[in-house]
Structure formats: C-alpha cells, structure tokens
Amino acid sequence: MNKSISILGSGWLGFPLAKQLTSEFEKVNISTRSEEKSKLLEGVGLRPFIIDMQNLKKNIQSFLQTDTLIINVTGKDINAFKNLISEIEKSPVKEVLFISSTSVYPEHSGLCRESRPLDISSHPLLEIEALFQQNTHFKSTILRFSGLIGGKRHPGRFFATGKSIRLAEAGVNLIHLDDCLAIIAIIVKQHVFPELLNCCADTHPRKVDFYTANALALGLPKPQISSENRQSNKIVSNEKLKKRLNYQFIHGDLMQLDARKDYDLN
C-alpha cells in the first residue's frame, strides 16, 4: 500500500472518503477552495490544499506528490481538465480514479452497459473521460456513479420544495454513499487500473414508489407527479462491476433502505 493518496474534491463524497482512507494511508491529501474548510479538514487529520481547478497554482505539484489520485469534482470545464492533466504528467502519479456519472447514457437507452458505444460529443463528461483514458503517462479507472443518495442526501427531501417527479413510472438508477466508499476502497487497495465501471444499486423501483415512500417516512407530503407524457426505459447495469470486483452491494435493494438509520438526518 502506498503511503499517501490525494483526493481532489472534499464534498459529499470526497470528505468521508478521505476520513475513511486515513486508516489505510499515512498521508491523505485533500483539496478545497475554502480557507475555512481547510481548517476543518486539518482538524480531522487530513492534509488540506487550497486548489481551484480554474486557476491552478504552484501548490498543485505538492498536492500531486503521490502514486494515486482520486478526482471527485463537479466541474465539466474541458480546458481546466486539460491543464490538470498536464500537471499530473509532471508528477509521480501512476493511477488516476476519475468519478464520472451514468448521466452520460441517454435517457431513453434501455439497459446501459459500459460496452455501449456513445457519441463523445453528446456529453462533456465523455470528453473528460477520454482525456484520462487516452493518456499514456498514467493508468485511469473511470467510475460512472448513478444518482447519489446517503449521508445528508435523503431522497425523501428531493421533492419537498414542491418540484414534481419527472418520468414517474421510470426505474430509478441510484447508489448509496456506503457503496460508493466501499467500491472506491477496493479499487485503490487492489490497484484496479485501468477500468471503466458503472456503479448503481441492483434494484430499480419506480420513481413514484421510491420517492413517495421516502417522503412519507419523514412525515413529508406526498410528492407531486409531473404531467409530462414522456417515458424512460433507462436502466444502468452493474454486472461488470460485481464480477470485476467480486462485489456485493451493501444497499443493493433500494426499497430496503431504512429512511432514518441509513441517512444523516442532522
């Protein structure tokens, strides 16, 4: 196991991931754009770096002094990623784990497997994925996460503001934070590079059933249903991931999640 790891992004996924990896690595570098958050990160034993993807400073090379880099940021600026990759090429990084999204699959695309040909110009994330996959200076694994739930992201609250459920009869494609963390840990520890994997729970209950059950469990009103007539048959397959990692999902059955115990309601 390497002695250090760097995580670009310290939000919903990056922060708990960094805390988890402190038991595996001597040094966990993590980025933030905020001085205030930098102090919080340092207080829990992490090595914070203030890094702005839009304006990389000299400290980026100090941040990249590691064999393994996890990139978990929401930006889709192609030029920013090109600049970052240029910096990675100058560093000792040998493995890059890039967190992408199953939003790269069209809404009406049936069963979505990693082998499905996709038009690279149809989504900026596909262009960014290609930048990493085609680079010969390091090996890249791409994780396409489905909709993220868990922690403070409670699906019962998604429609509490009165927003209606679109494509209510469609199956959900979601993954819980616990599974996100477990999957990343396996990839890092077992050096599963290069690879491309969908990350999505086993089950795909109807949106109307899943979100209504979670809203009612929190004592919130039943969500409204959109009047649009469009349908969607998009179902994300996780078969490759389960076989490649010999992985069994912690929360494979989404309807079995406890609406209170399996989330952070504070």
C-alpha atoms as a PDB file:
ATOM      1  CA  MET A   1       0.000   0.000   0.000  1.00  0.00           C
ATOM      2  CA  ASN A   2       1.302   3.453  -0.898  1.00  0.00           C
ATOM      3  CA  LYS A   3       1.987   5.832   1.963  1.00  0.00           C
ATOM      4  CA  SER A   4      -0.041   8.715   0.555  1.00  0.00           C
ATOM      5  CA  ILE A   5      -3.072   9.412  -1.601  1.00  0.00           C
ATOM      6  CA  SER A   6      -4.558  12.627  -2.982  1.00  0.00           C
ATOM      7  CA  ILE A   7      -8.260  13.415  -3.339  1.00  0.00           C
ATOM      8  CA  LEU A   8      -9.334  16.343  -5.490  1.00  0.00           C
ATOM      9  CA  GLY A   9     -12.655  17.491  -4.062  1.00  0.00           C
ATOM     10  CA  SER A  10     -13.863  17.443  -0.468  1.00  0.00           C
ATOM     11  CA  GLY A  11     -17.643  17.491  -0.769  1.00  0.00           C
ATOM     12  CA  TRP A  12     -20.362  14.904  -0.157  1.00  0.00           C
ATOM     13  CA  LEU A  13     -18.138  12.030  -1.320  1.00  0.00           C
ATOM     14  CA  GLY A  14     -14.591  13.349  -1.004  1.00  0.00           C
ATOM     15  CA  PHE A  15     -14.700  14.262   2.680  1.00  0.00           C
ATOM     16  CA  PRO A  16     -15.993  10.932   4.077  1.00  0.00           C
ATOM     17  CA  LEU A  17     -13.751   9.074   1.626  1.00  0.00           C
ATOM     18  CA  ALA A  18     -10.700  10.936   2.899  1.00  0.00           C
ATOM     19  CA  LYS A  19     -11.600  10.214   6.525  1.00  0.00           C
ATOM     20  CA  GLN A  20     -12.049   6.533   5.704  1.00  0.00           C
ATOM     21  CA  LEU A  21      -8.691   6.306   3.930  1.00  0.00           C
ATOM     22  CA  THR A  22      -6.768   7.753   6.890  1.00  0.00           C
ATOM     23  CA  SER A  23      -6.723   4.210   8.308  1.00  0.00           C
ATOM     24  CA  GLU A  24      -5.003   2.943   5.142  1.00  0.00           C
ATOM     25  CA  PHE A  25      -2.586   5.755   4.297  1.00  0.00           C
ATOM     26  CA  GLU A  26      -0.097   7.741   6.339  1.00  0.00           C
ATOM     27  CA  LYS A  27      -0.931  10.919   4.446  1.00  0.00           C
ATOM     28  CA  VAL A  28      -4.252  11.818   2.834  1.00  0.00           C
ATOM     29  CA  ASN A  29      -4.048  14.985   0.743  1.00  0.00           C
ATOM     30  CA  ILE A  30      -7.394  16.617   0.034  1.00  0.00           C
ATOM     31  CA  SER A  31      -8.354  19.758  -1.836  1.00  0.00           C
ATOM     32  CA  THR A  32     -10.778  22.549  -1.040  1.00  0.00           C
ATOM     33  CA  ARG A  33     -11.367  26.058  -2.358  1.00  0.00           C
ATOM     34  CA  SER A  34     -12.140  27.440   1.112  1.00  0.00           C
ATOM     35  CA  GLU A  35      -9.763  28.592   3.860  1.00  0.00           C
ATOM     36  CA  GLU A  36     -12.471  27.865   6.430  1.00  0.00           C
ATOM     37  CA  LYS A  37     -12.964  24.302   5.244  1.00  0.00           C
ATOM     38  CA  SER A  38      -9.203  23.843   5.093  1.00  0.00           C
ATOM     39  CA  LYS A  39      -9.069  24.249   8.857  1.00  0.00           C
ATOM     40  CA  LEU A  40     -11.891  21.731   9.316  1.00  0.00           C
ATOM     41  CA  LEU A  41     -10.072  19.172   7.154  1.00  0.00           C
ATOM     42  CA  GLU A  42      -6.819  19.662   9.005  1.00  0.00           C
ATOM     43  CA  GLY A  43      -8.662  19.193  12.295  1.00  0.00           C
ATOM     44  CA  VAL A  44      -9.597  15.606  11.389  1.00  0.00           C
ATOM     45  CA  GLY A  45      -6.070  14.588  10.403  1.00  0.00           C
ATOM     46  CA  LEU A  46      -6.118  15.355   6.675  1.00  0.00           C
ATOM     47  CA  ARG A  47      -3.597  17.405   4.655  1.00  0.00           C
ATOM     48  CA  PRO A  48      -5.648  20.186   3.024  1.00  0.00           C
ATOM     49  CA  PHE A  49      -4.616  22.075  -0.102  1.00  0.00           C
ATOM     50  CA  ILE A  50      -6.485  25.083  -1.419  1.00  0.00           C
ATOM     51  CA  ILE A  51      -6.872  24.324  -5.114  1.00  0.00           C
ATOM     52  CA  ASP A  52      -9.062  25.957  -7.747  1.00  0.00           C
ATOM     53  CA  MET A  53      -9.389  23.902 -10.938  1.00  0.00           C
ATOM     54  CA  GLN A  54      -9.935  27.107 -12.924  1.00  0.00           C
ATOM     55  CA  ASN A  55      -6.668  28.616 -11.730  1.00  0.00           C
ATOM     56  CA  LEU A  56      -4.070  26.046 -10.739  1.00  0.00           C
ATOM     57  CA  LYS A  57      -1.264  27.402  -8.544  1.00  0.00           C
ATOM     58  CA  LYS A  58       2.222  26.137  -7.749  1.00  0.00           C
ATOM     59  CA  ASN A  59       0.897  24.078  -4.847  1.00  0.00           C
ATOM     60  CA  ILE A  60      -0.731  21.656  -7.304  1.00  0.00           C
ATOM     61  CA  GLN A  61       2.556  19.773  -7.640  1.00  0.00           C
ATOM     62  CA  SER A  62       2.855  19.386  -3.859  1.00  0.00           C
ATOM     63  CA  PHE A  63      -0.697  18.025  -3.844  1.00  0.00           C
ATOM     64  CA  LEU A  64       0.202  15.565  -6.616  1.00  0.00           C
ATOM     65  CA  GLN A  65       3.183  14.022  -4.818  1.00  0.00           C
ATOM     66  CA  THR A  66       1.538  10.604  -4.626  1.00  0.00           C
ATOM     67  CA  ASP A  67       1.077   7.458  -6.700  1.00  0.00           C
ATOM     68  CA  THR A  68      -2.736   7.545  -6.632  1.00  0.00           C
ATOM     69  CA  LEU A  69      -5.045  10.478  -7.376  1.00  0.00           C
ATOM     70  CA  ILE A  70      -8.837  10.454  -6.957  1.00  0.00           C
ATOM     71  CA  ILE A  71     -10.677  13.163  -8.872  1.00  0.00           C
ATOM     72  CA  ASN A  72     -14.108  13.953  -7.495  1.00  0.00           C
ATOM     73  CA  VAL A  73     -15.174  17.396  -8.690  1.00  0.00           C
ATOM     74  CA  THR A  74     -18.401  18.530 -10.333  1.00  0.00           C
ATOM     75  CA  GLY A  75     -16.892  20.892 -12.912  1.00  0.00           C
ATOM     76  CA  LYS A  76     -17.003  19.994 -16.617  1.00  0.00           C
ATOM     77  CA  ASP A  77     -14.591  22.604 -17.983  1.00  0.00           C
ATOM     78  CA  ILE A  78     -12.597  20.718 -20.637  1.00  0.00           C
ATOM     79  CA  ASN A  79      -9.704  23.211 -20.620  1.00  0.00           C
ATOM     80  CA  ALA A  80      -9.451  23.049 -16.830  1.00  0.00           C
ATOM     81  CA  PHE A  81      -9.109  19.276 -17.026  1.00  0.00           C
ATOM     82  CA  LYS A  82      -6.514  19.554 -19.795  1.00  0.00           C
ATOM     83  CA  ASN A  83      -4.476  21.871 -17.571  1.00  0.00           C
ATOM     84  CA  LEU A  84      -4.841  19.478 -14.648  1.00  0.00           C
ATOM     85  CA  ILE A  85      -3.725  16.517 -16.761  1.00  0.00           C
ATOM     86  CA  SER A  86      -0.691  18.492 -17.885  1.00  0.00           C
ATOM     87  CA  GLU A  87       0.245  18.901 -14.219  1.00  0.00           C
ATOM     88  CA  ILE A  88      -0.396  15.222 -13.493  1.00  0.00           C
ATOM     89  CA  GLU A  89       2.011  14.296 -16.291  1.00  0.00           C
ATOM     90  CA  LYS A  90       4.774  16.183 -14.454  1.00  0.00           C
ATOM     91  CA  SER A  91       4.043  14.392 -11.175  1.00  0.00           C
ATOM     92  CA  PRO A  92       4.720  10.882  -9.790  1.00  0.00           C
ATOM     93  CA  VAL A  93       1.024   9.945 -10.101  1.00  0.00           C
ATOM     94  CA  LYS A  94       0.697   6.489 -11.668  1.00  0.00           C
ATOM     95  CA  GLU A  95      -3.029   5.802 -11.093  1.00  0.00           C
ATOM     96  CA  VAL A  96      -5.984   8.143 -11.541  1.00  0.00           C
ATOM     97  CA  LEU A  97      -9.512   7.358 -10.383  1.00  0.00           C
ATOM     98  CA  PHE A  98     -11.996   9.697 -12.057  1.00  0.00           C
ATOM     99  CA  ILE A  99     -15.545   9.912 -10.707  1.00  0.00           C
ATOM    100  CA  SER A 100     -17.924  10.297 -13.623  1.00  0.00           C
ATOM    101  CA  SER A 101     -21.680   9.782 -13.952  1.00  0.00           C
ATOM    102  CA  THR A 102     -24.196   7.493 -15.619  1.00  0.00           C
ATOM    103  CA  SER A 103     -25.797  10.669 -16.952  1.00  0.00           C
ATOM    104  CA  VAL A 104     -23.568  10.031 -19.983  1.00  0.00           C
ATOM    105  CA  TYR A 105     -26.142   7.419 -21.065  1.00  0.00           C
ATOM    106  CA  PRO A 106     -29.163   8.914 -22.872  1.00  0.00           C
ATOM    107  CA  GLU A 107     -32.467   8.959 -21.007  1.00  0.00           C
ATOM    108  CA  HIS A 108     -34.164   6.552 -23.414  1.00  0.00           C
ATOM    109  CA  SER A 109     -31.414   3.977 -23.815  1.00  0.00           C
ATOM    110  CA  GLY A 110     -32.708   0.744 -22.269  1.00  0.00           C
ATOM    111  CA  LEU A 111     -30.109  -1.375 -20.481  1.00  0.00           C
ATOM    112  CA  CYS A 112     -26.897   0.643 -20.151  1.00  0.00           C
ATOM    113  CA  ARG A 113     -23.649  -1.321 -20.144  1.00  0.00           C
ATOM    114  CA  GLU A 114     -20.098   0.004 -20.266  1.00  0.00           C
ATOM    115  CA  SER A 115     -19.626  -1.536 -23.716  1.00  0.00           C
ATOM    116  CA  ARG A 116     -22.371   0.645 -25.227  1.00  0.00           C
ATOM    117  CA  PRO A 117     -20.939   2.962 -27.911  1.00  0.00           C
ATOM    118  CA  LEU A 118     -21.563   6.606 -27.028  1.00  0.00           C
ATOM    119  CA  ASP A 119     -21.149   9.782 -29.043  1.00  0.00           C
ATOM    120  CA  ILE A 120     -18.291  11.559 -27.279  1.00  0.00           C
ATOM    121  CA  SER A 121     -19.691  14.940 -28.298  1.00  0.00           C
ATOM    122  CA  SER A 122     -23.033  14.214 -26.617  1.00  0.00           C
ATOM    123  CA  HIS A 123     -21.837  14.891 -23.064  1.00  0.00           C
ATOM    124  CA  PRO A 124     -18.849  16.844 -21.658  1.00  0.00           C
ATOM    125  CA  LEU A 125     -18.092  14.044 -19.205  1.00  0.00           C
ATOM    126  CA  LEU A 126     -17.433  11.684 -22.099  1.00  0.00           C
ATOM    127  CA  GLU A 127     -14.819  14.112 -23.419  1.00  0.00           C
ATOM    128  CA  ILE A 128     -13.218  14.332 -19.989  1.00  0.00           C
ATOM    129  CA  GLU A 129     -13.276  10.547 -19.567  1.00  0.00           C
ATOM    130  CA  ALA A 130     -11.464  10.214 -22.919  1.00  0.00           C
ATOM    131  CA  LEU A 131      -8.749  12.654 -21.830  1.00  0.00           C
ATOM    132  CA  PHE A 132      -7.878  10.334 -18.960  1.00  0.00           C
ATOM    133  CA  GLN A 133      -8.381   7.030 -20.755  1.00  0.00           C
ATOM    134  CA  GLN A 134      -6.186   8.010 -23.687  1.00  0.00           C
ATOM    135  CA  ASN A 135      -3.311   9.386 -21.613  1.00  0.00           C
ATOM    136  CA  THR A 136      -0.233   7.144 -21.571  1.00  0.00           C
ATOM    137  CA  HIS A 137       1.529   8.782 -18.617  1.00  0.00           C
ATOM    138  CA  PHE A 138      -0.730   7.059 -16.073  1.00  0.00           C
ATOM    139  CA  LYS A 139      -3.476   4.439 -15.826  1.00  0.00           C
ATOM    140  CA  SER A 140      -7.046   5.644 -15.354  1.00  0.00           C
ATOM    141  CA  THR A 141     -10.138   3.989 -13.959  1.00  0.00           C
ATOM    142  CA  ILE A 142     -13.467   5.677 -14.626  1.00  0.00           C
ATOM    143  CA  LEU A 143     -16.345   5.138 -12.210  1.00  0.00           C
ATOM    144  CA  ARG A 144     -19.739   6.155 -13.547  1.00  0.00           C
ATOM    145  CA  PHE A 145     -21.863   6.738 -10.464  1.00  0.00           C
ATOM    146  CA  SER A 146     -25.643   6.799 -10.724  1.00  0.00           C
ATOM    147  CA  GLY A 147     -27.748   9.222  -8.675  1.00  0.00           C
ATOM    148  CA  LEU A 148     -26.156   9.746  -5.269  1.00  0.00           C
ATOM    149  CA  ILE A 149     -28.039   9.153  -2.031  1.00  0.00           C
ATOM    150  CA  GLY A 150     -26.973   8.618   1.566  1.00  0.00           C
ATOM    151  CA  GLY A 151     -25.383  10.924   4.112  1.00  0.00           C
ATOM    152  CA  LYS A 152     -27.334  14.174   4.024  1.00  0.00           C
ATOM    153  CA  ARG A 153     -28.738  13.367   0.563  1.00  0.00           C
ATOM    154  CA  HIS A 154     -32.068  11.916   1.569  1.00  0.00           C
ATOM    155  CA  PRO A 155     -34.390  11.049  -1.344  1.00  0.00           C
ATOM    156  CA  GLY A 156     -37.410  11.869   0.809  1.00  0.00           C
ATOM    157  CA  ARG A 157     -36.376  15.520   0.668  1.00  0.00           C
ATOM    158  CA  PHE A 158     -35.708  15.735  -3.065  1.00  0.00           C
ATOM    159  CA  PHE A 159     -39.236  16.965  -3.827  1.00  0.00           C
ATOM    160  CA  ALA A 160     -40.026  18.747  -0.559  1.00  0.00           C
ATOM    161  CA  THR A 161     -39.877  22.147  -2.274  1.00  0.00           C
ATOM    162  CA  GLY A 162     -42.822  21.276  -4.493  1.00  0.00           C
ATOM    163  CA  LYS A 163     -40.878  20.112  -7.548  1.00  0.00           C
ATOM    164  CA  SER A 164     -42.722  17.339  -9.397  1.00  0.00           C
ATOM    165  CA  ILE A 165     -41.344  13.871 -10.149  1.00  0.00           C
ATOM    166  CA  ARG A 166     -40.439  13.618 -13.840  1.00  0.00           C
ATOM    167  CA  LEU A 167     -40.755  10.273 -15.657  1.00  0.00           C
ATOM    168  CA  ALA A 168     -42.534   8.935 -12.572  1.00  0.00           C
ATOM    169  CA  GLU A 169     -43.031   5.434 -13.983  1.00  0.00           C
ATOM    170  CA  ALA A 170     -39.342   5.015 -14.841  1.00  0.00           C
ATOM    171  CA  GLY A 171     -37.000   2.950 -12.689  1.00  0.00           C
ATOM    172  CA  VAL A 172     -34.517   4.815 -10.511  1.00  0.00           C
ATOM    173  CA  ASN A 173     -30.770   4.478 -11.035  1.00  0.00           C
ATOM    174  CA  LEU A 174     -29.205   5.269  -7.665  1.00  0.00           C
ATOM    175  CA  ILE A 175     -26.290   4.334  -5.411  1.00  0.00           C
ATOM    176  CA  HIS A 176     -25.843   4.842  -1.661  1.00  0.00           C
ATOM    177  CA  LEU A 177     -22.813   6.582  -0.167  1.00  0.00           C
ATOM    178  CA  ASP A 178     -21.822   3.425   1.729  1.00  0.00           C
ATOM    179  CA  ASP A 179     -21.416   1.563  -1.556  1.00  0.00           C
ATOM    180  CA  CYS A 180     -19.546   4.464  -3.178  1.00  0.00           C
ATOM    181  CA  LEU A 181     -16.969   4.399  -0.391  1.00  0.00           C
ATOM    182  CA  ALA A 182     -16.632   0.609  -0.381  1.00  0.00           C
ATOM    183  CA  ILE A 183     -16.174   0.397  -4.157  1.00  0.00           C
ATOM    184  CA  ILE A 184     -13.502   3.105  -4.230  1.00  0.00           C
ATOM    185  CA  ALA A 185     -11.626   1.462  -1.354  1.00  0.00           C
ATOM    186  CA  ILE A 186     -11.478  -1.860  -3.227  1.00  0.00           C
ATOM    187  CA  ILE A 187     -10.216  -0.232  -6.416  1.00  0.00           C
ATOM    188  CA  VAL A 188      -7.500   1.694  -4.597  1.00  0.00           C
ATOM    189  CA  LYS A 189      -6.349  -1.224  -2.439  1.00  0.00           C
ATOM    190  CA  GLN A 190      -6.384  -3.777  -5.265  1.00  0.00           C
ATOM    191  CA  HIS A 191      -4.990  -1.350  -7.878  1.00  0.00           C
ATOM    192  CA  VAL A 192      -7.839  -1.935 -10.328  1.00  0.00           C
ATOM    193  CA  PHE A 193      -6.429   0.254 -13.116  1.00  0.00           C
ATOM    194  CA  PRO A 194      -7.298   0.853 -15.937  1.00  0.00           C
ATOM    195  CA  GLU A 195     -11.046   0.133 -15.975  1.00  0.00           C
ATOM    196  CA  LEU A 196     -14.474   1.556 -16.767  1.00  0.00           C
ATOM    197  CA  LEU A 197     -17.300   0.617 -14.396  1.00  0.00           C
ATOM    198  CA  ASN A 198     -20.933   1.551 -13.826  1.00  0.00           C
ATOM    199  CA  CYS A 199     -21.812   1.979 -10.153  1.00  0.00           C
ATOM    200  CA  CYS A 200     -25.529   1.516  -9.469  1.00  0.00           C
ATOM    201  CA  ALA A 201     -27.641  -0.449  -6.988  1.00  0.00           C
ATOM    202  CA  ASP A 202     -29.155  -3.792  -8.007  1.00  0.00           C
ATOM    203  CA  THR A 203     -32.789  -2.713  -7.962  1.00  0.00           C
ATOM    204  CA  HIS A 204     -34.653  -0.053  -9.946  1.00  0.00           C
ATOM    205  CA  PRO A 205     -38.018   0.641  -8.272  1.00  0.00           C
ATOM    206  CA  ARG A 206     -40.355   3.127  -9.953  1.00  0.00           C
ATOM    207  CA  LYS A 207     -39.534   6.730  -9.143  1.00  0.00           C
ATOM    208  CA  VAL A 208     -43.055   7.371  -7.881  1.00  0.00           C
ATOM    209  CA  ASP A 209     -42.844   4.430  -5.459  1.00  0.00           C
ATOM    210  CA  PHE A 210     -39.335   5.118  -4.183  1.00  0.00           C
ATOM    211  CA  TYR A 211     -39.590   8.856  -3.656  1.00  0.00           C
ATOM    212  CA  THR A 212     -43.120   8.703  -2.237  1.00  0.00           C
ATOM    213  CA  ALA A 213     -42.147   6.034   0.315  1.00  0.00           C
ATOM    214  CA  ASN A 214     -39.137   8.063   1.454  1.00  0.00           C
ATOM    215  CA  ALA A 215     -41.038  11.338   1.705  1.00  0.00           C
ATOM    216  CA  LEU A 216     -43.825   9.773   3.770  1.00  0.00           C
ATOM    217  CA  ALA A 217     -41.263   8.069   6.038  1.00  0.00           C
ATOM    218  CA  LEU A 218     -40.004  11.537   7.007  1.00  0.00           C
ATOM    219  CA  GLY A 219     -43.506  12.862   7.534  1.00  0.00           C
ATOM    220  CA  LEU A 220     -43.328  14.998   4.396  1.00  0.00           C
ATOM    221  CA  PRO A 221     -46.144  15.458   1.873  1.00  0.00           C
ATOM    222  CA  LYS A 222     -46.522  13.009  -0.963  1.00  0.00           C
ATOM    223  CA  PRO A 223     -44.550  14.357  -3.974  1.00  0.00           C
ATOM    224  CA  GLN A 224     -46.467  15.667  -6.967  1.00  0.00           C
ATOM    225  CA  ILE A 225     -46.245  13.843 -10.294  1.00  0.00           C
ATOM    226  CA  SER A 226     -45.289  15.720 -13.456  1.00  0.00           C
ATOM    227  CA  SER A 227     -47.968  15.789 -16.158  1.00  0.00           C
ATOM    228  CA  GLU A 228     -45.499  15.093 -18.964  1.00  0.00           C
ATOM    229  CA  ASN A 229     -46.254  12.012 -21.039  1.00  0.00           C
ATOM    230  CA  ARG A 230     -42.685  11.039 -21.906  1.00  0.00           C
ATOM    231  CA  GLN A 231     -41.370   7.679 -20.753  1.00  0.00           C
ATOM    232  CA  SER A 232     -37.892   6.385 -19.992  1.00  0.00           C
ATOM    233  CA  ASN A 233     -36.562   2.835 -20.015  1.00  0.00           C
ATOM    234  CA  LYS A 234     -33.025   3.675 -18.878  1.00  0.00           C
ATOM    235  CA  ILE A 235     -31.640   1.006 -16.552  1.00  0.00           C
ATOM    236  CA  VAL A 236     -27.969   1.061 -15.556  1.00  0.00           C
ATOM    237  CA  SER A 237     -26.309  -2.362 -15.367  1.00  0.00           C
ATOM    238  CA  ASN A 238     -23.872  -3.068 -12.518  1.00  0.00           C
ATOM    239  CA  GLU A 239     -22.986  -6.605 -13.661  1.00  0.00           C
ATOM    240  CA  LYS A 240     -19.490  -5.757 -14.852  1.00  0.00           C
ATOM    241  CA  LEU A 241     -18.596  -4.089 -11.553  1.00  0.00           C
ATOM    242  CA  LYS A 242     -19.877  -7.009  -9.465  1.00  0.00           C
ATOM    243  CA  LYS A 243     -17.890  -9.515 -11.494  1.00  0.00           C
ATOM    244  CA  ARG A 244     -14.719  -7.421 -11.801  1.00  0.00           C
ATOM    245  CA  LEU A 245     -14.527  -6.595  -8.089  1.00  0.00           C
ATOM    246  CA  ASN A 246     -16.374  -9.648  -6.769  1.00  0.00           C
ATOM    247  CA  TYR A 247     -18.591  -7.074  -5.091  1.00  0.00           C
ATOM    248  CA  GLN A 248     -21.885  -7.472  -3.283  1.00  0.00           C
ATOM    249  CA  PHE A 249     -23.768  -4.230  -2.746  1.00  0.00           C
ATOM    250  CA  ILE A 250     -24.337  -3.106   0.842  1.00  0.00           C
ATOM    251  CA  HIS A 251     -27.598  -1.472  -0.225  1.00  0.00           C
ATOM    252  CA  GLY A 252     -28.494  -3.476  -3.310  1.00  0.00           C
ATOM    253  CA  ASP A 253     -32.247  -3.306  -2.697  1.00  0.00           C
ATOM    254  CA  LEU A 254     -33.133   0.371  -2.549  1.00  0.00           C
ATOM    255  CA  MET A 255     -36.596  -0.230  -1.107  1.00  0.00           C
ATOM    256  CA  GLN A 256     -34.986  -1.932   1.900  1.00  0.00           C
ATOM    257  CA  LEU A 257     -33.061   1.181   2.932  1.00  0.00           C
ATOM    258  CA  ASP A 258     -34.121   2.489   6.338  1.00  0.00           C
ATOM    259  CA  ALA A 259     -35.362   6.036   5.739  1.00  0.00           C
ATOM    260  CA  ARG A 260     -33.856   7.150   9.060  1.00  0.00           C
ATOM    261  CA  LYS A 261     -30.982   4.860  10.037  1.00  0.00           C
ATOM    262  CA  ASP A 262     -29.288   4.790   6.625  1.00  0.00           C
ATOM    263  CA  TYR A 263     -29.040   8.584   6.289  1.00  0.00           C
ATOM    264  CA  ASP A 264     -27.673  11.550   8.211  1.00  0.00           C
ATOM    265  CA  LEU A 265     -30.760  13.486   9.247  1.00  0.00           C
ATOM    266  CA  ASN A 266     -28.903  16.060  11.354  1.00  0.00           C
END
